[in-house]
């Protein structure tokens, strides 16, 4: 994603969009990682098929990115 390529007018129409890179930053800050293999993005605990957005539009988010929730997941390991 290259937000710099979008004109300011386009982004100003959607002022409440979340930072699209925050989940990736959280993943790396917590020592996680991923790799791409055989048509999937593999996050060790979960795999996501590489496909168009249409295949994923009806899916519910996997979990919260709330720090307390993520901390509780780390404690369970």
C-alpha atoms as a PDB file:
ATOM      1  CA  UNK A   1       0.000   0.000   0.000  1.00  0.00           C
ATOM      2  CA  UNK A   2       1.371   3.338  -0.920  1.00  0.00           C
ATOM      3  CA  UNK A   3      -0.700   6.024   0.812  1.00  0.00           C
ATOM      4  CA  UNK A   4       1.601   8.735  -0.540  1.00  0.00           C
ATOM      5  CA  UNK A   5       0.289   8.032  -4.030  1.00  0.00           C
ATOM      6  CA  UNK A   6      -3.254   9.007  -3.024  1.00  0.00           C
ATOM      7  CA  UNK A   7      -4.256  12.640  -3.338  1.00  0.00           C
ATOM      8  CA  UNK A   8      -5.041  14.399  -0.053  1.00  0.00           C
ATOM      9  CA  UNK A   9      -8.645  14.860  -1.206  1.00  0.00           C
ATOM     10  CA  UNK A  10      -9.119  11.079  -1.389  1.00  0.00           C
ATOM     11  CA  UNK A  11      -7.892  10.450   2.146  1.00  0.00           C
ATOM     12  CA  UNK A  12      -9.765  13.427   3.594  1.00  0.00           C
ATOM     13  CA  UNK A  13     -13.056  11.734   2.660  1.00  0.00           C
ATOM     14  CA  UNK A  14     -12.240   8.977   5.182  1.00  0.00           C
ATOM     15  CA  UNK A  15     -10.728  10.676   8.242  1.00  0.00           C
ATOM     16  CA  UNK A  16     -11.364   7.759  10.620  1.00  0.00           C
ATOM     17  CA  UNK A  17      -9.531   5.034   8.724  1.00  0.00           C
ATOM     18  CA  UNK A  18      -7.271   3.023  11.027  1.00  0.00           C
ATOM     19  CA  UNK A  19      -3.566   2.827  10.298  1.00  0.00           C
ATOM     20  CA  UNK A  20      -3.297  -0.082   7.821  1.00  0.00           C
ATOM     21  CA  UNK A  21       0.184  -1.010   9.042  1.00  0.00           C
ATOM     22  CA  UNK A  22      -0.612  -1.205  12.774  1.00  0.00           C
ATOM     23  CA  UNK A  23      -1.325  -4.977  12.744  1.00  0.00           C
ATOM     24  CA  UNK A  24       2.008  -5.647  11.028  1.00  0.00           C
ATOM     25  CA  UNK A  25       3.854  -3.384  13.462  1.00  0.00           C
ATOM     26  CA  UNK A  26       2.187  -5.187  16.408  1.00  0.00           C
ATOM     27  CA  UNK A  27       3.210  -8.538  14.939  1.00  0.00           C
ATOM     28  CA  UNK A  28       6.868  -7.561  14.659  1.00  0.00           C
ATOM     29  CA  UNK A  29       7.011  -5.733  18.018  1.00  0.00           C
ATOM     30  CA  UNK A  30       5.778  -8.869  19.744  1.00  0.00           C
ATOM     31  CA  UNK A  31       8.409 -11.049  18.081  1.00  0.00           C
ATOM     32  CA  UNK A  32       6.106 -12.603  15.506  1.00  0.00           C
ATOM     33  CA  UNK A  33       6.657 -13.158  11.851  1.00  0.00           C
ATOM     34  CA  UNK A  34       5.181 -14.743   8.762  1.00  0.00           C
ATOM     35  CA  UNK A  35       6.143 -16.271   5.451  1.00  0.00           C
ATOM     36  CA  UNK A  36       4.408 -16.819   2.122  1.00  0.00           C
ATOM     37  CA  UNK A  37       4.283 -20.357   0.788  1.00  0.00           C
ATOM     38  CA  UNK A  38       2.071 -22.443  -1.510  1.00  0.00           C
ATOM     39  CA  UNK A  39      -0.525 -19.722  -1.974  1.00  0.00           C
ATOM     40  CA  UNK A  40      -0.867 -18.914   1.753  1.00  0.00           C
ATOM     41  CA  UNK A  41       0.450 -16.368   4.225  1.00  0.00           C
ATOM     42  CA  UNK A  42       1.499 -18.475   7.195  1.00  0.00           C
ATOM     43  CA  UNK A  43       1.443 -16.841  10.648  1.00  0.00           C
ATOM     44  CA  UNK A  44       2.396 -20.120  12.393  1.00  0.00           C
ATOM     45  CA  UNK A  45      -0.899 -20.290  14.312  1.00  0.00           C
ATOM     46  CA  UNK A  46      -3.078 -19.314  11.358  1.00  0.00           C
ATOM     47  CA  UNK A  47      -2.889 -19.463   7.572  1.00  0.00           C
ATOM     48  CA  UNK A  48      -4.580 -17.058   5.152  1.00  0.00           C
ATOM     49  CA  UNK A  49      -5.106 -17.934   1.498  1.00  0.00           C
ATOM     50  CA  UNK A  50      -3.649 -15.422  -0.948  1.00  0.00           C
ATOM     51  CA  UNK A  51      -6.641 -14.378  -3.001  1.00  0.00           C
ATOM     52  CA  UNK A  52      -8.677 -11.352  -3.935  1.00  0.00           C
ATOM     53  CA  UNK A  53     -10.504  -9.253  -1.369  1.00  0.00           C
ATOM     54  CA  UNK A  54     -13.810 -10.702  -2.580  1.00  0.00           C
ATOM     55  CA  UNK A  55     -13.000 -14.043  -0.964  1.00  0.00           C
ATOM     56  CA  UNK A  56     -12.331 -12.393   2.403  1.00  0.00           C
ATOM     57  CA  UNK A  57     -15.046  -9.713   2.538  1.00  0.00           C
ATOM     58  CA  UNK A  58     -17.500 -11.762   4.635  1.00  0.00           C
ATOM     59  CA  UNK A  59     -14.964 -13.043   7.151  1.00  0.00           C
ATOM     60  CA  UNK A  60     -15.037 -11.813  10.706  1.00  0.00           C
ATOM     61  CA  UNK A  61     -11.786 -10.440  12.133  1.00  0.00           C
ATOM     62  CA  UNK A  62      -9.714 -13.147  13.782  1.00  0.00           C
ATOM     63  CA  UNK A  63      -9.263 -11.369  17.076  1.00  0.00           C
ATOM     64  CA  UNK A  64      -8.768  -8.058  18.801  1.00  0.00           C
ATOM     65  CA  UNK A  65      -5.555  -6.081  18.490  1.00  0.00           C
ATOM     66  CA  UNK A  66      -6.108  -4.643  21.954  1.00  0.00           C
ATOM     67  CA  UNK A  67      -2.867  -4.773  23.978  1.00  0.00           C
ATOM     68  CA  UNK A  68      -4.515  -6.471  26.969  1.00  0.00           C
ATOM     69  CA  UNK A  69      -5.940  -9.196  24.751  1.00  0.00           C
ATOM     70  CA  UNK A  70      -2.598  -9.757  23.015  1.00  0.00           C
ATOM     71  CA  UNK A  71      -0.830  -9.834  26.394  1.00  0.00           C
ATOM     72  CA  UNK A  72      -3.233 -12.544  27.580  1.00  0.00           C
ATOM     73  CA  UNK A  73      -2.428 -14.615  24.492  1.00  0.00           C
ATOM     74  CA  UNK A  74       1.284 -14.301  25.213  1.00  0.00           C
ATOM     75  CA  UNK A  75       0.762 -15.414  28.822  1.00  0.00           C
ATOM     76  CA  UNK A  76      -1.055 -18.554  27.645  1.00  0.00           C
ATOM     77  CA  UNK A  77       2.031 -19.745  25.750  1.00  0.00           C
END
